[in-house]
Amino acid sequence: MIKRMESTEKIKNYKDLVVWQKGMELVKNIYQLTNEFPKKEIFGLTIQMRRASVSVPSNIAEGQARHYTREFMQFLYQALGSLSELETQIIIAKELNYISASKEFEIDNQIIELKKMICGLVRGLPAD
């Protein structure tokens, strides 16, 4: 469940960020999706997709804990990189017939939404 904050509320930590919450949803969806992959992929595509997805909210959390905007931005860009990596891995999974076109579409939409949110957050950060 995503907790949306009122505009008058102050962000206390990364858990208050909707982008982090949506990143956590993506992680859960990727874990559920990869549970259906062939067992031979456990040390291949499965682990790569899980690591890339976990990297997204992890980088958002670590960046938000930093003292300087420039550092936060660096971690947000790393989260964007992980989303692009995951996007490629989703295409591979579809090409290998591990996921359906509808699942690919669903995850792609999550990735696109997160990319937009992260880019918006970067644009909205104050200069150091």
N, C-alpha and C. Protein backbone atom coordinates (compact mmCIF):
# COMPACT_ATOMS: atom_id res chain seq x y z
N MET A 1 0.84 -1.19 0.00
CA MET A 1 0.00 0.00 0.00
C MET A 1 0.88 1.25 0.00
N ILE A 2 0.61 2.14 -0.91
CA ILE A 2 1.40 3.35 -1.03
C ILE A 2 0.78 4.45 -0.19
N LYS A 3 1.62 5.03 0.66
CA LYS A 3 1.18 6.12 1.52
C LYS A 3 1.54 7.43 0.85
N ARG A 4 0.58 8.14 0.37
CA ARG A 4 0.83 9.45 -0.25
C ARG A 4 0.81 10.51 0.84
N MET A 5 1.75 11.41 0.73
CA MET A 5 1.86 12.46 1.73
C MET A 5 1.14 13.71 1.26
N GLU A 6 0.64 14.47 2.20
CA GLU A 6 0.07 15.78 1.89
C GLU A 6 1.21 16.72 1.54
N SER A 7 0.95 17.71 0.72
CA SER A 7 2.01 18.63 0.31
C SER A 7 2.58 19.41 1.48
N THR A 8 1.84 19.50 2.57
CA THR A 8 2.33 20.23 3.74
C THR A 8 3.21 19.37 4.64
N GLU A 9 3.22 18.05 4.43
CA GLU A 9 4.04 17.16 5.24
C GLU A 9 5.49 17.19 4.77
N LYS A 10 6.40 17.06 5.71
CA LYS A 10 7.82 17.04 5.38
C LYS A 10 8.29 15.59 5.25
N ILE A 11 9.15 15.35 4.27
CA ILE A 11 9.71 14.02 4.09
C ILE A 11 10.75 13.80 5.18
N LYS A 12 10.53 12.77 5.99
CA LYS A 12 11.43 12.47 7.11
C LYS A 12 12.52 11.50 6.69
N ASN A 13 12.16 10.53 5.85
CA ASN A 13 13.16 9.58 5.36
C ASN A 13 12.68 8.97 4.05
N TYR A 14 13.50 8.12 3.50
CA TYR A 14 13.23 7.54 2.19
C TYR A 14 11.90 6.79 2.12
N LYS A 15 11.43 6.24 3.22
CA LYS A 15 10.17 5.49 3.21
C LYS A 15 8.98 6.39 2.91
N ASP A 16 9.14 7.69 3.09
CA ASP A 16 8.08 8.65 2.79
C ASP A 16 7.99 8.98 1.30
N LEU A 17 9.01 8.62 0.55
CA LEU A 17 9.04 8.93 -0.88
C LEU A 17 8.18 7.93 -1.67
N VAL A 18 7.22 8.44 -2.41
CA VAL A 18 6.36 7.58 -3.22
C VAL A 18 7.19 6.80 -4.24
N VAL A 19 8.25 7.42 -4.76
CA VAL A 19 9.10 6.74 -5.74
C VAL A 19 9.78 5.52 -5.10
N TRP A 20 10.17 5.62 -3.84
CA TRP A 20 10.76 4.47 -3.15
C TRP A 20 9.69 3.38 -2.97
N GLN A 21 8.49 3.78 -2.58
CA GLN A 21 7.39 2.83 -2.37
C GLN A 21 7.07 2.09 -3.67
N LYS A 22 7.05 2.82 -4.77
CA LYS A 22 6.78 2.18 -6.07
C LYS A 22 7.94 1.28 -6.49
N GLY A 23 9.15 1.65 -6.12
CA GLY A 23 10.30 0.79 -6.36
C GLY A 23 10.17 -0.53 -5.61
N MET A 24 9.68 -0.46 -4.41
CA MET A 24 9.46 -1.68 -3.60
C MET A 24 8.39 -2.57 -4.24
N GLU A 25 7.37 -1.96 -4.81
CA GLU A 25 6.34 -2.73 -5.53
C GLU A 25 6.95 -3.46 -6.72
N LEU A 26 7.84 -2.77 -7.43
CA LEU A 26 8.51 -3.38 -8.57
C LEU A 26 9.33 -4.60 -8.13
N VAL A 27 10.05 -4.47 -7.03
CA VAL A 27 10.84 -5.59 -6.51
C VAL A 27 9.95 -6.80 -6.26
N LYS A 28 8.83 -6.58 -5.59
CA LYS A 28 7.91 -7.70 -5.31
C LYS A 28 7.41 -8.33 -6.60
N ASN A 29 7.08 -7.51 -7.58
CA ASN A 29 6.59 -8.04 -8.85
C ASN A 29 7.66 -8.83 -9.59
N ILE A 30 8.89 -8.37 -9.54
CA ILE A 30 9.99 -9.08 -10.21
C ILE A 30 10.26 -10.41 -9.50
N TYR A 31 10.23 -10.43 -8.19
CA TYR A 31 10.43 -11.69 -7.47
C TYR A 31 9.32 -12.69 -7.80
N GLN A 32 8.08 -12.24 -7.85
CA GLN A 32 6.97 -13.13 -8.21
C GLN A 32 7.13 -13.62 -9.64
N LEU A 33 7.50 -12.73 -10.54
CA LEU A 33 7.67 -13.08 -11.94
C LEU A 33 8.78 -14.11 -12.12
N THR A 34 9.92 -13.88 -11.49
CA THR A 34 11.06 -14.78 -11.68
C THR A 34 10.90 -16.11 -10.95
N ASN A 35 9.97 -16.19 -10.03
CA ASN A 35 9.67 -17.48 -9.39
C ASN A 35 9.17 -18.50 -10.41
N GLU A 36 8.64 -17.99 -11.52
CA GLU A 36 8.09 -18.85 -12.57
C GLU A 36 9.12 -19.23 -13.64
N PHE A 37 10.32 -18.66 -13.56
CA PHE A 37 11.36 -18.95 -14.55
C PHE A 37 11.86 -20.38 -14.37
N PRO A 38 12.43 -20.96 -15.42
CA PRO A 38 13.02 -22.31 -15.29
C PRO A 38 14.12 -22.30 -14.22
N LYS A 39 14.25 -23.39 -13.51
CA LYS A 39 15.25 -23.49 -12.44
C LYS A 39 16.67 -23.31 -12.97
N LYS A 40 16.90 -23.63 -14.24
CA LYS A 40 18.23 -23.47 -14.81
C LYS A 40 18.64 -21.99 -14.88
N GLU A 41 17.69 -21.08 -14.72
CA GLU A 41 17.97 -19.65 -14.77
C GLU A 41 18.24 -19.02 -13.41
N ILE A 42 18.22 -19.82 -12.35
CA ILE A 42 18.36 -19.27 -11.00
C ILE A 42 19.64 -18.45 -10.83
N PHE A 43 20.74 -18.89 -11.46
CA PHE A 43 22.00 -18.16 -11.36
C PHE A 43 22.27 -17.31 -12.60
N GLY A 44 21.30 -17.20 -13.47
CA GLY A 44 21.43 -16.41 -14.69
C GLY A 44 20.51 -15.21 -14.65
N LEU A 45 19.52 -15.25 -15.50
CA LEU A 45 18.60 -14.12 -15.66
C LEU A 45 17.82 -13.82 -14.37
N THR A 46 17.43 -14.83 -13.65
CA THR A 46 16.65 -14.62 -12.42
C THR A 46 17.40 -13.73 -11.44
N ILE A 47 18.63 -14.09 -11.14
CA ILE A 47 19.39 -13.31 -10.15
C ILE A 47 19.72 -11.92 -10.67
N GLN A 48 19.97 -11.79 -11.97
CA GLN A 48 20.26 -10.47 -12.55
C GLN A 48 19.06 -9.54 -12.43
N MET A 49 17.88 -10.07 -12.73
CA MET A 49 16.66 -9.26 -12.66
C MET A 49 16.34 -8.88 -11.23
N ARG A 50 16.54 -9.80 -10.32
CA ARG A 50 16.28 -9.50 -8.91
C ARG A 50 17.24 -8.44 -8.39
N ARG A 51 18.51 -8.57 -8.73
CA ARG A 51 19.50 -7.59 -8.27
C ARG A 51 19.22 -6.21 -8.84
N ALA A 52 18.88 -6.15 -10.12
CA ALA A 52 18.59 -4.86 -10.75
C ALA A 52 17.38 -4.21 -10.10
N SER A 53 16.35 -5.01 -9.83
CA SER A 53 15.14 -4.43 -9.23
C SER A 53 15.40 -3.97 -7.80
N VAL A 54 16.13 -4.75 -7.02
CA VAL A 54 16.45 -4.40 -5.64
C VAL A 54 17.31 -3.13 -5.60
N SER A 55 18.13 -2.95 -6.60
CA SER A 55 19.01 -1.79 -6.67
C SER A 55 18.23 -0.47 -6.76
N VAL A 56 17.05 -0.50 -7.32
CA VAL A 56 16.29 0.75 -7.52
C VAL A 56 15.90 1.38 -6.18
N PRO A 57 15.09 0.72 -5.34
CA PRO A 57 14.75 1.37 -4.07
C PRO A 57 15.95 1.49 -3.13
N SER A 58 16.92 0.59 -3.27
CA SER A 58 18.12 0.67 -2.43
C SER A 58 18.91 1.94 -2.71
N ASN A 59 19.08 2.27 -3.98
CA ASN A 59 19.80 3.50 -4.34
C ASN A 59 19.02 4.74 -3.94
N ILE A 60 17.71 4.70 -4.06
CA ILE A 60 16.89 5.83 -3.64
C ILE A 60 17.05 6.05 -2.14
N ALA A 61 17.01 4.96 -1.38
CA ALA A 61 17.16 5.05 0.08
C ALA A 61 18.53 5.57 0.46
N GLU A 62 19.57 5.00 -0.13
CA GLU A 62 20.92 5.42 0.22
C GLU A 62 21.15 6.88 -0.16
N GLY A 63 20.70 7.27 -1.32
CA GLY A 63 20.87 8.65 -1.76
C GLY A 63 20.14 9.65 -0.88
N GLN A 64 18.94 9.30 -0.46
CA GLN A 64 18.16 10.22 0.37
C GLN A 64 18.82 10.41 1.73
N ALA A 65 19.58 9.44 2.18
CA ALA A 65 20.25 9.52 3.47
C ALA A 65 21.51 10.37 3.42
N ARG A 66 21.96 10.73 2.22
CA ARG A 66 23.17 11.54 2.07
C ARG A 66 22.89 12.99 2.44
N HIS A 67 23.94 13.72 2.74
CA HIS A 67 23.80 15.10 3.21
C HIS A 67 23.77 16.13 2.08
N TYR A 68 24.20 15.74 0.90
CA TYR A 68 24.30 16.69 -0.18
C TYR A 68 23.43 16.27 -1.36
N THR A 69 22.79 17.26 -1.97
CA THR A 69 21.92 17.02 -3.12
C THR A 69 22.67 16.31 -4.24
N ARG A 70 23.90 16.71 -4.49
CA ARG A 70 24.69 16.12 -5.57
C ARG A 70 24.86 14.61 -5.36
N GLU A 71 25.06 14.20 -4.12
CA GLU A 71 25.18 12.77 -3.82
C GLU A 71 23.85 12.06 -4.07
N PHE A 72 22.76 12.67 -3.63
CA PHE A 72 21.43 12.09 -3.83
C PHE A 72 21.18 11.90 -5.32
N MET A 73 21.53 12.91 -6.10
CA MET A 73 21.33 12.83 -7.55
C MET A 73 22.14 11.68 -8.15
N GLN A 74 23.36 11.49 -7.68
CA GLN A 74 24.19 10.39 -8.18
C GLN A 74 23.50 9.04 -7.95
N PHE A 75 22.92 8.85 -6.77
CA PHE A 75 22.23 7.60 -6.48
C PHE A 75 20.94 7.46 -7.28
N LEU A 76 20.27 8.58 -7.54
CA LEU A 76 19.07 8.53 -8.38
C LEU A 76 19.43 8.12 -9.81
N TYR A 77 20.56 8.61 -10.30
CA TYR A 77 21.01 8.21 -11.64
C TYR A 77 21.40 6.73 -11.66
N GLN A 78 21.94 6.22 -10.58
CA GLN A 78 22.23 4.78 -10.50
C GLN A 78 20.93 3.97 -10.54
N ALA A 79 19.89 4.48 -9.86
CA ALA A 79 18.59 3.82 -9.91
C ALA A 79 18.04 3.81 -11.33
N LEU A 80 18.23 4.91 -12.06
CA LEU A 80 17.80 4.95 -13.46
C LEU A 80 18.56 3.92 -14.29
N GLY A 81 19.84 3.78 -14.04
CA GLY A 81 20.63 2.78 -14.75
C GLY A 81 20.14 1.37 -14.48
N SER A 82 19.79 1.10 -13.24
CA SER A 82 19.26 -0.21 -12.88
C SER A 82 17.93 -0.47 -13.57
N LEU A 83 17.11 0.56 -13.71
CA LEU A 83 15.83 0.41 -14.41
C LEU A 83 16.06 0.08 -15.89
N SER A 84 17.05 0.70 -16.50
CA SER A 84 17.36 0.41 -17.90
C SER A 84 17.89 -1.02 -18.04
N GLU A 85 18.71 -1.43 -17.09
CA GLU A 85 19.21 -2.80 -17.08
C GLU A 85 18.05 -3.79 -16.98
N LEU A 86 17.12 -3.51 -16.07
CA LEU A 86 15.97 -4.38 -15.87
C LEU A 86 15.08 -4.39 -17.12
N GLU A 87 14.94 -3.25 -17.75
CA GLU A 87 14.14 -3.14 -18.97
C GLU A 87 14.70 -4.09 -20.05
N THR A 88 16.01 -4.11 -20.18
CA THR A 88 16.67 -5.00 -21.14
C THR A 88 16.45 -6.46 -20.76
N GLN A 89 16.54 -6.76 -19.49
CA GLN A 89 16.36 -8.14 -19.02
C GLN A 89 14.93 -8.62 -19.23
N ILE A 90 13.98 -7.72 -19.12
CA ILE A 90 12.57 -8.06 -19.39
C ILE A 90 12.42 -8.43 -20.87
N ILE A 91 13.07 -7.69 -21.74
CA ILE A 91 13.02 -8.00 -23.18
C ILE A 91 13.62 -9.38 -23.43
N ILE A 92 14.75 -9.66 -22.79
CA ILE A 92 15.38 -10.98 -22.93
C ILE A 92 14.45 -12.08 -22.45
N ALA A 93 13.82 -11.87 -21.30
CA ALA A 93 12.90 -12.88 -20.75
C ALA A 93 11.74 -13.13 -21.71
N LYS A 94 11.25 -12.06 -22.34
CA LYS A 94 10.16 -12.21 -23.31
C LYS A 94 10.65 -12.97 -24.53
N GLU A 95 11.84 -12.64 -25.02
CA GLU A 95 12.41 -13.31 -26.19
C GLU A 95 12.63 -14.81 -25.93
N LEU A 96 12.92 -15.16 -24.69
CA LEU A 96 13.13 -16.56 -24.31
C LEU A 96 11.82 -17.26 -23.94
N ASN A 97 10.71 -16.54 -24.07
CA ASN A 97 9.38 -17.05 -23.74
C ASN A 97 9.22 -17.41 -22.26
N TYR A 98 9.93 -16.68 -21.40
CA TYR A 98 9.78 -16.88 -19.96
C TYR A 98 8.62 -16.06 -19.41
N ILE A 99 8.26 -15.00 -20.14
CA ILE A 99 7.12 -14.17 -19.72
C ILE A 99 6.23 -13.88 -20.92
N SER A 100 5.00 -13.56 -20.63
CA SER A 100 4.03 -13.24 -21.68
C SER A 100 4.18 -11.78 -22.10
N ALA A 101 3.60 -11.46 -23.22
CA ALA A 101 3.61 -10.08 -23.71
C ALA A 101 2.88 -9.17 -22.73
N SER A 102 1.82 -9.67 -22.11
CA SER A 102 1.07 -8.84 -21.17
C SER A 102 1.89 -8.55 -19.91
N LYS A 103 2.67 -9.52 -19.44
CA LYS A 103 3.54 -9.31 -18.28
C LYS A 103 4.65 -8.32 -18.64
N GLU A 104 5.20 -8.47 -19.84
CA GLU A 104 6.24 -7.54 -20.30
C GLU A 104 5.68 -6.12 -20.31
N PHE A 105 4.49 -5.95 -20.84
CA PHE A 105 3.83 -4.65 -20.90
C PHE A 105 3.61 -4.08 -19.49
N GLU A 106 3.15 -4.92 -18.58
CA GLU A 106 2.88 -4.49 -17.20
C GLU A 106 4.15 -4.00 -16.50
N ILE A 107 5.22 -4.78 -16.60
CA ILE A 107 6.48 -4.40 -15.96
C ILE A 107 7.07 -3.17 -16.65
N ASP A 108 7.00 -3.13 -17.97
CA ASP A 108 7.49 -1.96 -18.70
C ASP A 108 6.81 -0.68 -18.23
N ASN A 109 5.51 -0.76 -18.00
CA ASN A 109 4.78 0.42 -17.51
C ASN A 109 5.26 0.85 -16.14
N GLN A 110 5.56 -0.11 -15.28
CA GLN A 110 6.11 0.22 -13.96
C GLN A 110 7.46 0.91 -14.10
N ILE A 111 8.29 0.37 -14.98
CA ILE A 111 9.63 0.93 -15.20
C ILE A 111 9.52 2.34 -15.75
N ILE A 112 8.66 2.56 -16.72
CA ILE A 112 8.48 3.89 -17.30
C ILE A 112 8.01 4.88 -16.25
N GLU A 113 7.05 4.47 -15.44
CA GLU A 113 6.55 5.35 -14.38
C GLU A 113 7.66 5.71 -13.40
N LEU A 114 8.45 4.72 -13.00
CA LEU A 114 9.55 4.99 -12.07
C LEU A 114 10.60 5.91 -12.70
N LYS A 115 10.92 5.69 -13.95
CA LYS A 115 11.89 6.56 -14.62
C LYS A 115 11.39 8.01 -14.63
N LYS A 116 10.13 8.20 -14.94
CA LYS A 116 9.56 9.55 -14.95
C LYS A 116 9.59 10.18 -13.56
N MET A 117 9.27 9.38 -12.56
CA MET A 117 9.27 9.90 -11.19
C MET A 117 10.68 10.28 -10.74
N ILE A 118 11.65 9.44 -11.06
CA ILE A 118 13.03 9.73 -10.67
C ILE A 118 13.54 10.98 -11.39
N CYS A 119 13.26 11.09 -12.68
CA CYS A 119 13.66 12.28 -13.43
C CYS A 119 13.01 13.54 -12.86
N GLY A 120 11.75 13.43 -12.49
CA GLY A 120 11.05 14.56 -11.87
C GLY A 120 11.67 14.94 -10.54
N LEU A 121 12.06 13.93 -9.77
CA LEU A 121 12.70 14.18 -8.47
C LEU A 121 14.04 14.88 -8.68
N VAL A 122 14.80 14.42 -9.64
CA VAL A 122 16.10 15.04 -9.94
C VAL A 122 15.89 16.52 -10.31
N ARG A 123 14.92 16.78 -11.19
CA ARG A 123 14.65 18.17 -11.60
C ARG A 123 14.21 19.04 -10.44
N GLY A 124 13.52 18.45 -9.48
CA GLY A 124 12.99 19.22 -8.37
C GLY A 124 13.94 19.41 -7.20
N LEU A 125 15.11 18.78 -7.25
CA LEU A 125 16.06 18.91 -6.15
C LEU A 125 16.73 20.27 -6.18
N PRO A 126 16.91 20.87 -5.01
CA PRO A 126 17.59 22.18 -4.97
C PRO A 126 19.10 22.01 -5.21
N ALA A 127 19.73 23.05 -5.68
CA ALA A 127 21.18 23.02 -5.88
C ALA A 127 21.86 23.06 -4.51
N ASP A 128 23.00 22.40 -4.41
CA ASP A 128 23.77 22.41 -3.14
C ASP A 128 24.20 23.81 -2.78
